[in-house]
């Protein structure tokens, strides 16, 4: 006698699932991009941006300041600019910002020295800026390497 084989249907199998998870966002990449775009630095009142500035471009000048001629007001303004620069340096994680600013202060001084009325004059804004930076550095204990 012929027995009819009953076709056994396989149970519905579970579909194969591919587990994919995108790599976690690396803070280092985000910080690198932020450091190159420098949003806090570019917002500083004494930074001059290039025409049609783009996010990855460096500013035209890190120190674009005209003294008012009023010594006390200029010193206070320089100190304020230094505090803003330190805050921007921390926000952008750009430890080179103060160096860039000092470079442009020197360039500006050389340009003013070439002018007839700029020779031999001290800039009170620069004095205030550098005084505030010096005091900020002096507040932190220096680490001495042996």
C-alpha atoms as a PDB file:
ATOM      1  CA  UNK A   1       0.000   0.000   0.000  1.00  0.00           C
ATOM      2  CA  UNK A   2       1.262   3.260  -0.927  1.00  0.00           C
ATOM      3  CA  UNK A   3       1.243   5.751   1.763  1.00  0.00           C
ATOM      4  CA  UNK A   4       0.991   9.228   0.856  1.00  0.00           C
ATOM      5  CA  UNK A   5       3.756  11.181   2.314  1.00  0.00           C
ATOM      6  CA  UNK A   6       2.524  14.273   3.747  1.00  0.00           C
ATOM      7  CA  UNK A   7       4.633  17.181   2.805  1.00  0.00           C
ATOM      8  CA  UNK A   8       5.951  18.710   5.886  1.00  0.00           C
ATOM      9  CA  UNK A   9       6.048  22.397   5.614  1.00  0.00           C
ATOM     10  CA  UNK A  10       8.851  23.875   7.468  1.00  0.00           C
ATOM     11  CA  UNK A  11       7.922  26.200  10.177  1.00  0.00           C
ATOM     12  CA  UNK A  12       8.131  29.734   9.084  1.00  0.00           C
ATOM     13  CA  UNK A  13      11.736  30.486   9.644  1.00  0.00           C
ATOM     14  CA  UNK A  14      12.837  33.655  11.174  1.00  0.00           C
ATOM     15  CA  UNK A  15      14.369  35.970   8.704  1.00  0.00           C
ATOM     16  CA  UNK A  16      17.965  36.599   8.981  1.00  0.00           C
ATOM     17  CA  UNK A  17      18.598  39.962  10.406  1.00  0.00           C
ATOM     18  CA  UNK A  18      21.786  41.793   9.830  1.00  0.00           C
ATOM     19  CA  UNK A  19      22.736  43.824  12.774  1.00  0.00           C
ATOM     20  CA  UNK A  20      24.538  46.973  11.742  1.00  0.00           C
ATOM     21  CA  UNK A  21      25.296  49.818  13.944  1.00  0.00           C
ATOM     22  CA  UNK A  22      26.979  52.892  12.641  1.00  0.00           C
ATOM     23  CA  UNK A  23      30.233  53.742  14.300  1.00  0.00           C
ATOM     24  CA  UNK A  24      29.777  55.940  17.288  1.00  0.00           C
ATOM     25  CA  UNK A  25      30.380  59.577  16.700  1.00  0.00           C
ATOM     26  CA  UNK A  26      33.929  60.231  17.669  1.00  0.00           C
ATOM     27  CA  UNK A  27      34.417  63.321  19.739  1.00  0.00           C
ATOM     28  CA  UNK A  28      37.893  63.649  18.306  1.00  0.00           C
ATOM     29  CA  UNK A  29      36.535  64.116  14.777  1.00  0.00           C
ATOM     30  CA  UNK A  30      33.936  66.593  15.944  1.00  0.00           C
ATOM     31  CA  UNK A  31      36.557  68.519  17.879  1.00  0.00           C
ATOM     32  CA  UNK A  32      38.917  68.547  14.898  1.00  0.00           C
ATOM     33  CA  UNK A  33      36.229  70.021  12.692  1.00  0.00           C
ATOM     34  CA  UNK A  34      35.309  72.543  15.366  1.00  0.00           C
ATOM     35  CA  UNK A  35      38.954  73.512  15.799  1.00  0.00           C
ATOM     36  CA  UNK A  36      39.323  74.145  12.065  1.00  0.00           C
ATOM     37  CA  UNK A  37      36.102  76.157  11.773  1.00  0.00           C
ATOM     38  CA  UNK A  38      36.836  78.234  14.902  1.00  0.00           C
ATOM     39  CA  UNK A  39      33.353  79.654  15.533  1.00  0.00           C
ATOM     40  CA  UNK A  40      34.237  81.354  18.812  1.00  0.00           C
ATOM     41  CA  UNK A  41      37.461  82.795  17.425  1.00  0.00           C
ATOM     42  CA  UNK A  42      35.744  84.224  14.375  1.00  0.00           C
ATOM     43  CA  UNK A  43      33.163  85.915  16.601  1.00  0.00           C
ATOM     44  CA  UNK A  44      35.798  87.914  18.499  1.00  0.00           C
ATOM     45  CA  UNK A  45      35.405  91.674  17.978  1.00  0.00           C
ATOM     46  CA  UNK A  46      39.067  92.190  17.069  1.00  0.00           C
ATOM     47  CA  UNK A  47      39.304  89.391  14.476  1.00  0.00           C
ATOM     48  CA  UNK A  48      38.971  90.501  10.864  1.00  0.00           C
ATOM     49  CA  UNK A  49      37.454  87.899   8.544  1.00  0.00           C
ATOM     50  CA  UNK A  50      38.204  87.589   4.853  1.00  0.00           C
ATOM     51  CA  UNK A  51      35.596  88.744   2.367  1.00  0.00           C
ATOM     52  CA  UNK A  52      33.113  85.901   1.709  1.00  0.00           C
ATOM     53  CA  UNK A  53      34.537  83.971   4.651  1.00  0.00           C
ATOM     54  CA  UNK A  54      34.204  80.186   4.506  1.00  0.00           C
ATOM     55  CA  UNK A  55      34.072  77.880   7.556  1.00  0.00           C
ATOM     56  CA  UNK A  56      37.526  76.342   7.066  1.00  0.00           C
ATOM     57  CA  UNK A  57      39.336  79.602   6.229  1.00  0.00           C
ATOM     58  CA  UNK A  58      41.581  81.344   8.691  1.00  0.00           C
ATOM     59  CA  UNK A  59      40.713  84.956   9.444  1.00  0.00           C
ATOM     60  CA  UNK A  60      42.465  87.696   7.520  1.00  0.00           C
ATOM     61  CA  UNK A  61      43.824  89.106  10.775  1.00  0.00           C
ATOM     62  CA  UNK A  62      43.653  87.928  14.362  1.00  0.00           C
ATOM     63  CA  UNK A  63      44.301  91.488  15.591  1.00  0.00           C
ATOM     64  CA  UNK A  64      42.442  94.271  13.841  1.00  0.00           C
ATOM     65  CA  UNK A  65      42.188  97.034  16.436  1.00  0.00           C
ATOM     66  CA  UNK A  66      42.365 100.801  16.135  1.00  0.00           C
ATOM     67  CA  UNK A  67      43.304 102.572  19.376  1.00  0.00           C
ATOM     68  CA  UNK A  68      40.992 105.389  20.431  1.00  0.00           C
ATOM     69  CA  UNK A  69      43.786 107.467  21.921  1.00  0.00           C
ATOM     70  CA  UNK A  70      42.243 107.354  25.391  1.00  0.00           C
ATOM     71  CA  UNK A  71      44.810 105.349  27.321  1.00  0.00           C
ATOM     72  CA  UNK A  72      42.698 104.070  30.222  1.00  0.00           C
ATOM     73  CA  UNK A  73      39.784 103.072  27.983  1.00  0.00           C
ATOM     74  CA  UNK A  74      42.150 101.331  25.561  1.00  0.00           C
ATOM     75  CA  UNK A  75      43.866  99.395  28.368  1.00  0.00           C
ATOM     76  CA  UNK A  76      40.451  98.249  29.661  1.00  0.00           C
ATOM     77  CA  UNK A  77      39.441  97.265  26.134  1.00  0.00           C
ATOM     78  CA  UNK A  78      42.693  95.288  25.699  1.00  0.00           C
ATOM     79  CA  UNK A  79      42.065  93.432  28.961  1.00  0.00           C
ATOM     80  CA  UNK A  80      38.500  92.653  27.884  1.00  0.00           C
ATOM     81  CA  UNK A  81      39.776  91.355  24.542  1.00  0.00           C
ATOM     82  CA  UNK A  82      42.269  89.098  26.353  1.00  0.00           C
ATOM     83  CA  UNK A  83      39.532  87.548  28.499  1.00  0.00           C
ATOM     84  CA  UNK A  84      37.405  86.998  25.389  1.00  0.00           C
ATOM     85  CA  UNK A  85      40.385  85.442  23.566  1.00  0.00           C
ATOM     86  CA  UNK A  86      41.044  83.025  26.436  1.00  0.00           C
ATOM     87  CA  UNK A  87      37.366  82.011  26.450  1.00  0.00           C
ATOM     88  CA  UNK A  88      37.395  81.522  22.659  1.00  0.00           C
ATOM     89  CA  UNK A  89      40.603  79.502  22.881  1.00  0.00           C
ATOM     90  CA  UNK A  90      38.949  77.161  25.368  1.00  0.00           C
ATOM     91  CA  UNK A  91      35.678  76.968  23.432  1.00  0.00           C
ATOM     92  CA  UNK A  92      37.390  76.142  20.126  1.00  0.00           C
ATOM     93  CA  UNK A  93      40.050  73.909  21.753  1.00  0.00           C
ATOM     94  CA  UNK A  94      42.638  75.943  19.899  1.00  0.00           C
ATOM     95  CA  UNK A  95      45.750  76.325  22.014  1.00  0.00           C
ATOM     96  CA  UNK A  96      47.455  78.345  19.258  1.00  0.00           C
ATOM     97  CA  UNK A  97      45.022  81.264  19.282  1.00  0.00           C
ATOM     98  CA  UNK A  98      47.058  83.521  21.565  1.00  0.00           C
ATOM     99  CA  UNK A  99      50.162  82.872  19.428  1.00  0.00           C
ATOM    100  CA  UNK A 100      48.254  83.870  16.276  1.00  0.00           C
ATOM    101  CA  UNK A 101      47.032  87.037  17.970  1.00  0.00           C
ATOM    102  CA  UNK A 102      50.529  88.000  19.143  1.00  0.00           C
ATOM    103  CA  UNK A 103      51.904  87.382  15.638  1.00  0.00           C
ATOM    104  CA  UNK A 104      49.357  89.791  14.213  1.00  0.00           C
ATOM    105  CA  UNK A 105      50.043  92.321  16.976  1.00  0.00           C
ATOM    106  CA  UNK A 106      53.702  92.261  15.881  1.00  0.00           C
ATOM    107  CA  UNK A 107      52.748  92.597  12.188  1.00  0.00           C
ATOM    108  CA  UNK A 108      50.515  95.536  13.075  1.00  0.00           C
ATOM    109  CA  UNK A 109      53.319  97.194  15.070  1.00  0.00           C
ATOM    110  CA  UNK A 110      55.721  96.825  12.146  1.00  0.00           C
ATOM    111  CA  UNK A 111      53.168  98.355   9.765  1.00  0.00           C
ATOM    112  CA  UNK A 112      52.535 101.258  12.175  1.00  0.00           C
ATOM    113  CA  UNK A 113      56.276 101.820  12.546  1.00  0.00           C
ATOM    114  CA  UNK A 114      56.439 102.499   8.814  1.00  0.00           C
ATOM    115  CA  UNK A 115      53.780 105.200   9.070  1.00  0.00           C
ATOM    116  CA  UNK A 116      54.834 108.783   9.742  1.00  0.00           C
ATOM    117  CA  UNK A 117      52.695 109.275  12.833  1.00  0.00           C
ATOM    118  CA  UNK A 118      52.843 105.671  14.100  1.00  0.00           C
ATOM    119  CA  UNK A 119      56.530 105.454  14.856  1.00  0.00           C
ATOM    120  CA  UNK A 120      57.477 105.158  18.507  1.00  0.00           C
ATOM    121  CA  UNK A 121      53.926 105.116  19.865  1.00  0.00           C
ATOM    122  CA  UNK A 122      52.854 102.399  22.250  1.00  0.00           C
ATOM    123  CA  UNK A 123      49.475 100.819  21.775  1.00  0.00           C
ATOM    124  CA  UNK A 124      47.470 100.860  25.019  1.00  0.00           C
ATOM    125  CA  UNK A 125      45.080  98.170  23.729  1.00  0.00           C
ATOM    126  CA  UNK A 126      48.027  95.828  23.210  1.00  0.00           C
ATOM    127  CA  UNK A 127      49.384  96.735  26.640  1.00  0.00           C
ATOM    128  CA  UNK A 128      46.057  95.846  28.267  1.00  0.00           C
ATOM    129  CA  UNK A 129      45.791  92.626  26.249  1.00  0.00           C
ATOM    130  CA  UNK A 130      49.281  91.422  27.133  1.00  0.00           C
ATOM    131  CA  UNK A 131      48.902  92.458  30.789  1.00  0.00           C
ATOM    132  CA  UNK A 132      45.726  90.395  31.130  1.00  0.00           C
ATOM    133  CA  UNK A 133      47.335  87.395  29.399  1.00  0.00           C
ATOM    134  CA  UNK A 134      50.363  87.672  31.699  1.00  0.00           C
ATOM    135  CA  UNK A 135      48.162  87.788  34.780  1.00  0.00           C
ATOM    136  CA  UNK A 136      46.143  84.794  33.552  1.00  0.00           C
ATOM    137  CA  UNK A 137      49.327  82.814  33.083  1.00  0.00           C
ATOM    138  CA  UNK A 138      50.622  83.948  36.471  1.00  0.00           C
ATOM    139  CA  UNK A 139      47.501  82.673  38.234  1.00  0.00           C
ATOM    140  CA  UNK A 140      48.255  79.094  37.282  1.00  0.00           C
ATOM    141  CA  UNK A 141      51.184  77.407  39.016  1.00  0.00           C
ATOM    142  CA  UNK A 142      53.899  76.608  36.525  1.00  0.00           C
ATOM    143  CA  UNK A 143      54.774  72.956  36.207  1.00  0.00           C
ATOM    144  CA  UNK A 144      58.506  72.446  36.350  1.00  0.00           C
ATOM    145  CA  UNK A 145      59.891  69.455  34.520  1.00  0.00           C
ATOM    146  CA  UNK A 146      62.979  67.924  36.034  1.00  0.00           C
END
